[in-house]
């Protein structure tokens, strides 16, 4: 285990000992959508929704070639 990992593990143990993880919101409840497979861009979709970012107009104006290139770039291929 590296130095950073050791530090992180120690901080987690100390926080647990202080009870900082007790009574967190959602404790004892199932994690939403845990059983649903997630696409690789789901995190950015949730962030955009939370931040009120809507690119639907801009995306609708893309040509098929631009859409293909965008998806290619987003997937890093």
PDB file of N, CA and C in Angstrom:
ATOM      1  N   UNK A   1       0.864  -1.183   0.000  1.00  0.00           N
ATOM      2  CA  UNK A   1       0.000   0.000   0.000  1.00  0.00           C
ATOM      3  C   UNK A   1       0.899   1.231   0.000  1.00  0.00           C
ATOM      4  N   UNK A   2       0.587   2.182  -0.862  1.00  0.00           N
ATOM      5  CA  UNK A   2       1.389   3.388  -0.971  1.00  0.00           C
ATOM      6  C   UNK A   2       1.118   4.364   0.167  1.00  0.00           C
ATOM      7  N   UNK A   3       1.922   5.389   0.245  1.00  0.00           N
ATOM      8  CA  UNK A   3       1.806   6.396   1.306  1.00  0.00           C
ATOM      9  C   UNK A   3       0.450   7.087   1.252  1.00  0.00           C
ATOM     10  N   UNK A   4       0.012   7.478   0.052  1.00  0.00           N
ATOM     11  CA  UNK A   4      -1.267   8.160  -0.089  1.00  0.00           C
ATOM     12  C   UNK A   4      -2.416   7.248   0.334  1.00  0.00           C
ATOM     13  N   UNK A   5      -2.364   5.980  -0.101  1.00  0.00           N
ATOM     14  CA  UNK A   5      -3.414   5.040   0.285  1.00  0.00           C
ATOM     15  C   UNK A   5      -3.450   4.851   1.789  1.00  0.00           C
ATOM     16  N   UNK A   6      -2.283   4.760   2.419  1.00  0.00           N
ATOM     17  CA  UNK A   6      -2.223   4.602   3.872  1.00  0.00           C
ATOM     18  C   UNK A   6      -2.839   5.802   4.573  1.00  0.00           C
ATOM     19  N   UNK A   7      -2.535   6.994   4.085  1.00  0.00           N
ATOM     20  CA  UNK A   7      -3.079   8.211   4.664  1.00  0.00           C
ATOM     21  C   UNK A   7      -4.603   8.237   4.543  1.00  0.00           C
ATOM     22  N   UNK A   8      -5.094   7.898   3.361  1.00  0.00           N
ATOM     23  CA  UNK A   8      -6.537   7.884   3.124  1.00  0.00           C
ATOM     24  C   UNK A   8      -7.206   6.863   4.032  1.00  0.00           C
ATOM     25  N   UNK A   9      -6.657   5.663   4.093  1.00  0.00           N
ATOM     26  CA  UNK A   9      -7.233   4.623   4.950  1.00  0.00           C
ATOM     27  C   UNK A   9      -7.252   5.058   6.414  1.00  0.00           C
ATOM     28  N   UNK A  10      -6.173   5.689   6.872  1.00  0.00           N
ATOM     29  CA  UNK A  10      -6.120   6.162   8.258  1.00  0.00           C
ATOM     30  C   UNK A  10      -7.190   7.220   8.521  1.00  0.00           C
ATOM     31  N   UNK A  11      -7.345   8.161   7.582  1.00  0.00           N
ATOM     32  CA  UNK A  11      -8.364   9.209   7.755  1.00  0.00           C
ATOM     33  C   UNK A  11      -9.772   8.620   7.781  1.00  0.00           C
ATOM     34  N   UNK A  12     -10.004   7.617   6.938  1.00  0.00           N
ATOM     35  CA  UNK A  12     -11.316   6.962   6.937  1.00  0.00           C
ATOM     36  C   UNK A  12     -11.559   6.274   8.280  1.00  0.00           C
ATOM     37  N   UNK A  13     -10.580   5.533   8.772  1.00  0.00           N
ATOM     38  CA  UNK A  13     -10.736   4.853  10.074  1.00  0.00           C
ATOM     39  C   UNK A  13     -11.000   5.859  11.189  1.00  0.00           C
ATOM     40  N   UNK A  14     -10.274   6.978  11.183  1.00  0.00           N
ATOM     41  CA  UNK A  14     -10.474   8.004  12.217  1.00  0.00           C
ATOM     42  C   UNK A  14     -11.874   8.616  12.123  1.00  0.00           C
ATOM     43  N   UNK A  15     -12.335   8.896  10.916  1.00  0.00           N
ATOM     44  CA  UNK A  15     -13.672   9.457  10.730  1.00  0.00           C
ATOM     45  C   UNK A  15     -14.737   8.473  11.189  1.00  0.00           C
ATOM     46  N   UNK A  16     -14.521   7.192  10.904  1.00  0.00           N
ATOM     47  CA  UNK A  16     -15.467   6.172  11.357  1.00  0.00           C
ATOM     48  C   UNK A  16     -15.503   6.126  12.878  1.00  0.00           C
ATOM     49  N   UNK A  17     -14.338   6.214  13.504  1.00  0.00           N
ATOM     50  CA  UNK A  17     -14.271   6.179  14.966  1.00  0.00           C
ATOM     51  C   UNK A  17     -14.999   7.374  15.583  1.00  0.00           C
ATOM     52  N   UNK A  18     -14.961   8.515  14.917  1.00  0.00           N
ATOM     53  CA  UNK A  18     -15.666   9.709  15.409  1.00  0.00           C
ATOM     54  C   UNK A  18     -17.165   9.667  15.075  1.00  0.00           C
ATOM     55  N   UNK A  19     -17.581   8.676  14.283  1.00  0.00           N
ATOM     56  CA  UNK A  19     -18.996   8.560  13.937  1.00  0.00           C
ATOM     57  C   UNK A  19     -19.429   9.450  12.791  1.00  0.00           C
ATOM     58  N   UNK A  20     -18.487   9.925  12.008  1.00  0.00           N
ATOM     59  CA  UNK A  20     -18.825  10.850  10.925  1.00  0.00           C
ATOM     60  C   UNK A  20     -19.594  10.209   9.777  1.00  0.00           C
ATOM     61  N   UNK A  21     -19.626   8.883   9.730  1.00  0.00           N
ATOM     62  CA  UNK A  21     -20.386   8.200   8.701  1.00  0.00           C
ATOM     63  C   UNK A  21     -21.734   7.709   9.220  1.00  0.00           C
ATOM     64  N   UNK A  22     -22.017   7.950  10.487  1.00  0.00           N
ATOM     65  CA  UNK A  22     -23.284   7.532  11.076  1.00  0.00           C
ATOM     66  C   UNK A  22     -24.403   8.475  10.637  1.00  0.00           C
ATOM     67  N   UNK A  23     -25.562   7.926  10.418  1.00  0.00           N
ATOM     68  CA  UNK A  23     -26.773   8.709  10.103  1.00  0.00           C
ATOM     69  C   UNK A  23     -26.639   9.600   8.872  1.00  0.00           C
ATOM     70  N   UNK A  24     -25.959   9.126   7.857  1.00  0.00           N
ATOM     71  CA  UNK A  24     -25.864   9.885   6.615  1.00  0.00           C
ATOM     72  C   UNK A  24     -27.198   9.838   5.884  1.00  0.00           C
ATOM     73  N   UNK A  25     -27.525  10.865   5.101  1.00  0.00           N
ATOM     74  CA  UNK A  25     -28.768  10.821   4.321  1.00  0.00           C
ATOM     75  C   UNK A  25     -28.764   9.590   3.409  1.00  0.00           C
ATOM     76  N   UNK A  26     -29.863   8.892   3.391  1.00  0.00           N
ATOM     77  CA  UNK A  26     -29.979   7.713   2.545  1.00  0.00           C
ATOM     78  C   UNK A  26     -29.470   6.437   3.176  1.00  0.00           C
ATOM     79  N   UNK A  27     -28.976   6.517   4.406  1.00  0.00           N
ATOM     80  CA  UNK A  27     -28.457   5.320   5.074  1.00  0.00           C
ATOM     81  C   UNK A  27     -29.555   4.270   5.177  1.00  0.00           C
ATOM     82  N   UNK A  28     -29.218   3.049   4.835  1.00  0.00           N
ATOM     83  CA  UNK A  28     -30.168   1.950   4.912  1.00  0.00           C
ATOM     84  C   UNK A  28     -31.123   1.866   3.738  1.00  0.00           C
ATOM     85  N   UNK A  29     -31.012   2.783   2.799  1.00  0.00           N
ATOM     86  CA  UNK A  29     -31.885   2.777   1.617  1.00  0.00           C
ATOM     87  C   UNK A  29     -31.090   2.249   0.430  1.00  0.00           C
ATOM     88  N   UNK A  30     -31.794   1.630  -0.516  1.00  0.00           N
ATOM     89  CA  UNK A  30     -31.065   1.142  -1.698  1.00  0.00           C
ATOM     90  C   UNK A  30     -30.494   2.293  -2.513  1.00  0.00           C
ATOM     91  N   UNK A  31     -29.388   2.032  -3.171  1.00  0.00           N
ATOM     92  CA  UNK A  31     -28.766   3.035  -4.024  1.00  0.00           C
ATOM     93  C   UNK A  31     -29.587   3.124  -5.312  1.00  0.00           C
ATOM     94  N   UNK A  32     -30.056   4.317  -5.681  1.00  0.00           N
ATOM     95  CA  UNK A  32     -30.889   4.448  -6.881  1.00  0.00           C
ATOM     96  C   UNK A  32     -30.172   3.950  -8.135  1.00  0.00           C
ATOM     97  N   UNK A  33     -30.886   3.219  -8.957  1.00  0.00           N
ATOM     98  CA  UNK A  33     -30.417   2.746 -10.256  1.00  0.00           C
ATOM     99  C   UNK A  33     -29.208   1.825 -10.186  1.00  0.00           C
ATOM    100  N   UNK A  34     -28.938   1.240  -9.021  1.00  0.00           N
ATOM    101  CA  UNK A  34     -27.774   0.374  -8.889  1.00  0.00           C
ATOM    102  C   UNK A  34     -27.876  -0.855  -9.782  1.00  0.00           C
ATOM    103  N   UNK A  35     -29.100  -1.340  -9.986  1.00  0.00           N
ATOM    104  CA  UNK A  35     -29.281  -2.544 -10.795  1.00  0.00           C
ATOM    105  C   UNK A  35     -29.363  -2.255 -12.298  1.00  0.00           C
ATOM    106  N   UNK A  36     -29.384  -0.985 -12.662  1.00  0.00           N
ATOM    107  CA  UNK A  36     -29.476  -0.604 -14.067  1.00  0.00           C
ATOM    108  C   UNK A  36     -28.075  -0.374 -14.628  1.00  0.00           C
ATOM    109  N   UNK A  37     -27.738  -1.035 -15.751  1.00  0.00           N
ATOM    110  CA  UNK A  37     -26.413  -0.781 -16.329  1.00  0.00           C
ATOM    111  C   UNK A  37     -26.276   0.687 -16.723  1.00  0.00           C
ATOM    112  N   UNK A  38     -25.113   1.223 -16.507  1.00  0.00           N
ATOM    113  CA  UNK A  38     -24.883   2.643 -16.753  1.00  0.00           C
ATOM    114  C   UNK A  38     -23.977   2.832 -17.952  1.00  0.00           C
ATOM    115  N   UNK A  39     -24.351   3.758 -18.817  1.00  0.00           N
ATOM    116  CA  UNK A  39     -23.458   4.034 -19.933  1.00  0.00           C
ATOM    117  C   UNK A  39     -22.296   4.885 -19.431  1.00  0.00           C
ATOM    118  N   UNK A  40     -21.246   4.936 -20.212  1.00  0.00           N
ATOM    119  CA  UNK A  40     -20.016   5.597 -19.763  1.00  0.00           C
ATOM    120  C   UNK A  40     -20.146   7.110 -19.619  1.00  0.00           C
ATOM    121  N   UNK A  41     -21.214   7.692 -20.140  1.00  0.00           N
ATOM    122  CA  UNK A  41     -21.402   9.136 -20.040  1.00  0.00           C
ATOM    123  C   UNK A  41     -22.486   9.519 -19.035  1.00  0.00           C
ATOM    124  N   UNK A  42     -22.963   8.556 -18.264  1.00  0.00           N
ATOM    125  CA  UNK A  42     -24.065   8.823 -17.343  1.00  0.00           C
ATOM    126  C   UNK A  42     -23.698   9.901 -16.316  1.00  0.00           C
ATOM    127  N   UNK A  43     -22.462   9.903 -15.854  1.00  0.00           N
ATOM    128  CA  UNK A  43     -22.071  10.876 -14.825  1.00  0.00           C
ATOM    129  C   UNK A  43     -22.184  12.303 -15.355  1.00  0.00           C
ATOM    130  N   UNK A  44     -21.793  12.506 -16.620  1.00  0.00           N
ATOM    131  CA  UNK A  44     -21.865  13.858 -17.181  1.00  0.00           C
ATOM    132  C   UNK A  44     -23.312  14.260 -17.417  1.00  0.00           C
ATOM    133  N   UNK A  45     -24.157  13.300 -17.777  1.00  0.00           N
ATOM    134  CA  UNK A  45     -25.580  13.589 -17.961  1.00  0.00           C
ATOM    135  C   UNK A  45     -26.209  14.032 -16.640  1.00  0.00           C
ATOM    136  N   UNK A  46     -25.882  13.323 -15.553  1.00  0.00           N
ATOM    137  CA  UNK A  46     -26.423  13.708 -14.231  1.00  0.00           C
ATOM    138  C   UNK A  46     -25.908  15.093 -13.825  1.00  0.00           C
ATOM    139  N   UNK A  47     -24.630  15.365 -14.072  1.00  0.00           N
ATOM    140  CA  UNK A  47     -24.049  16.662 -13.720  1.00  0.00           C
ATOM    141  C   UNK A  47     -24.729  17.776 -14.499  1.00  0.00           C
ATOM    142  N   UNK A  48     -24.920  17.561 -15.809  1.00  0.00           N
ATOM    143  CA  UNK A  48     -25.561  18.585 -16.633  1.00  0.00           C
ATOM    144  C   UNK A  48     -26.996  18.845 -16.177  1.00  0.00           C
ATOM    145  N   UNK A  49     -27.706  17.781 -15.831  1.00  0.00           N
ATOM    146  CA  UNK A  49     -29.083  17.942 -15.351  1.00  0.00           C
ATOM    147  C   UNK A  49     -29.086  18.732 -14.049  1.00  0.00           C
ATOM    148  N   UNK A  50     -28.194  18.361 -13.136  1.00  0.00           N
ATOM    149  CA  UNK A  50     -28.122  19.050 -11.841  1.00  0.00           C
ATOM    150  C   UNK A  50     -27.772  20.525 -12.002  1.00  0.00           C
ATOM    151  N   UNK A  51     -26.914  20.828 -12.968  1.00  0.00           N
ATOM    152  CA  UNK A  51     -26.467  22.202 -13.194  1.00  0.00           C
ATOM    153  C   UNK A  51     -27.387  22.980 -14.132  1.00  0.00           C
ATOM    154  N   UNK A  52     -28.415  22.319 -14.661  1.00  0.00           N
ATOM    155  CA  UNK A  52     -29.358  22.989 -15.545  1.00  0.00           C
ATOM    156  C   UNK A  52     -28.801  23.276 -16.930  1.00  0.00           C
ATOM    157  N   UNK A  53     -27.882  22.440 -17.385  1.00  0.00           N
ATOM    158  CA  UNK A  53     -27.269  22.629 -18.704  1.00  0.00           C
ATOM    159  C   UNK A  53     -28.038  21.798 -19.727  1.00  0.00           C
ATOM    160  N   UNK A  54     -28.553  22.457 -20.755  1.00  0.00           N
ATOM    161  CA  UNK A  54     -29.319  21.786 -21.811  1.00  0.00           C
ATOM    162  C   UNK A  54     -28.702  22.128 -23.164  1.00  0.00           C
ATOM    163  N   UNK A  55     -28.153  21.128 -23.800  1.00  0.00           N
ATOM    164  CA  UNK A  55     -27.513  21.325 -25.107  1.00  0.00           C
ATOM    165  C   UNK A  55     -28.344  20.741 -26.239  1.00  0.00           C
ATOM    166  N   UNK A  56     -29.617  20.470 -26.004  1.00  0.00           N
ATOM    167  CA  UNK A  56     -30.438  19.796 -27.006  1.00  0.00           C
ATOM    168  C   UNK A  56     -30.523  20.584 -28.315  1.00  0.00           C
ATOM    169  N   UNK A  57     -30.639  21.899 -28.238  1.00  0.00           N
ATOM    170  CA  UNK A  57     -30.719  22.700 -29.466  1.00  0.00           C
ATOM    171  C   UNK A  57     -29.424  22.595 -30.259  1.00  0.00           C
ATOM    172  N   UNK A  58     -28.291  22.741 -29.565  1.00  0.00           N
ATOM    173  CA  UNK A  58     -27.002  22.664 -30.242  1.00  0.00           C
ATOM    174  C   UNK A  58     -26.771  21.277 -30.838  1.00  0.00           C
ATOM    175  N   UNK A  59     -27.140  20.232 -30.107  1.00  0.00           N
ATOM    176  CA  UNK A  59     -26.951  18.875 -30.605  1.00  0.00           C
ATOM    177  C   UNK A  59     -27.853  18.594 -31.801  1.00  0.00           C
ATOM    178  N   UNK A  60     -29.061  19.140 -31.776  1.00  0.00           N
ATOM    179  CA  UNK A  60     -29.996  18.926 -32.886  1.00  0.00           C
ATOM    180  C   UNK A  60     -29.483  19.561 -34.173  1.00  0.00           C
ATOM    181  N   UNK A  61     -28.663  20.600 -34.066  1.00  0.00           N
ATOM    182  CA  UNK A  61     -28.137  21.289 -35.243  1.00  0.00           C
ATOM    183  C   UNK A  61     -26.908  20.610 -35.843  1.00  0.00           C
ATOM    184  N   UNK A  62     -26.367  19.583 -35.183  1.00  0.00           N
ATOM    185  CA  UNK A  62     -25.190  18.894 -35.707  1.00  0.00           C
ATOM    186  C   UNK A  62     -25.552  18.043 -36.918  1.00  0.00           C
ATOM    187  N   UNK A  63     -24.637  17.979 -37.855  1.00  0.00           N
ATOM    188  CA  UNK A  63     -24.811  17.076 -38.993  1.00  0.00           C
ATOM    189  C   UNK A  63     -24.526  15.655 -38.516  1.00  0.00           C
ATOM    190  N   UNK A  64     -24.965  14.640 -39.253  1.00  0.00           N
ATOM    191  CA  UNK A  64     -24.647  13.261 -38.859  1.00  0.00           C
ATOM    192  C   UNK A  64     -23.139  13.023 -38.707  1.00  0.00           C
ATOM    193  N   UNK A  65     -22.356  13.641 -39.574  1.00  0.00           N
ATOM    194  CA  UNK A  65     -20.902  13.485 -39.483  1.00  0.00           C
ATOM    195  C   UNK A  65     -20.363  14.107 -38.192  1.00  0.00           C
ATOM    196  N   UNK A  66     -20.891  15.280 -37.825  1.00  0.00           N
ATOM    197  CA  UNK A  66     -20.454  15.933 -36.589  1.00  0.00           C
ATOM    198  C   UNK A  66     -20.843  15.098 -35.372  1.00  0.00           C
ATOM    199  N   UNK A  67     -22.042  14.510 -35.406  1.00  0.00           N
ATOM    200  CA  UNK A  67     -22.473  13.652 -34.292  1.00  0.00           C
ATOM    201  C   UNK A  67     -21.553  12.450 -34.148  1.00  0.00           C
ATOM    202  N   UNK A  68     -21.220  11.840 -35.290  1.00  0.00           N
ATOM    203  CA  UNK A  68     -20.324  10.681 -35.261  1.00  0.00           C
ATOM    204  C   UNK A  68     -18.973  11.071 -34.691  1.00  0.00           C
ATOM    205  N   UNK A  69     -18.432  12.206 -35.131  1.00  0.00           N
ATOM    206  CA  UNK A  69     -17.142  12.681 -34.643  1.00  0.00           C
ATOM    207  C   UNK A  69     -17.202  12.988 -33.143  1.00  0.00           C
ATOM    208  N   UNK A  70     -18.302  13.603 -32.706  1.00  0.00           N
ATOM    209  CA  UNK A  70     -18.464  13.920 -31.286  1.00  0.00           C
ATOM    210  C   UNK A  70     -18.464  12.641 -30.443  1.00  0.00           C
ATOM    211  N   UNK A  71     -19.244  11.649 -30.856  1.00  0.00           N
ATOM    212  CA  UNK A  71     -19.292  10.399 -30.111  1.00  0.00           C
ATOM    213  C   UNK A  71     -17.934   9.710 -30.108  1.00  0.00           C
ATOM    214  N   UNK A  72     -17.247   9.774 -31.232  1.00  0.00           N
ATOM    215  CA  UNK A  72     -15.902   9.209 -31.336  1.00  0.00           C
ATOM    216  C   UNK A  72     -14.966   9.901 -30.340  1.00  0.00           C
ATOM    217  N   UNK A  73     -15.009  11.223 -30.283  1.00  0.00           N
ATOM    218  CA  UNK A  73     -14.157  11.988 -29.371  1.00  0.00           C
ATOM    219  C   UNK A  73     -14.506  11.715 -27.907  1.00  0.00           C
ATOM    220  N   UNK A  74     -15.787  11.632 -27.598  1.00  0.00           N
ATOM    221  CA  UNK A  74     -16.208  11.398 -26.221  1.00  0.00           C
ATOM    222  C   UNK A  74     -15.775  10.036 -25.717  1.00  0.00           C
ATOM    223  N   UNK A  75     -15.726   9.081 -26.609  1.00  0.00           N
ATOM    224  CA  UNK A  75     -15.334   7.724 -26.211  1.00  0.00           C
ATOM    225  C   UNK A  75     -13.823   7.536 -26.242  1.00  0.00           C
ATOM    226  N   UNK A  76     -13.119   8.530 -26.731  1.00  0.00           N
ATOM    227  CA  UNK A  76     -11.656   8.460 -26.756  1.00  0.00           C
ATOM    228  C   UNK A  76     -11.103   7.473 -27.767  1.00  0.00           C
ATOM    229  N   UNK A  77     -11.823   7.284 -28.848  1.00  0.00           N
ATOM    230  CA  UNK A  77     -11.361   6.300 -29.858  1.00  0.00           C
ATOM    231  C   UNK A  77     -10.891   7.012 -31.093  1.00  0.00           C
TER     232      UNK A  77
END
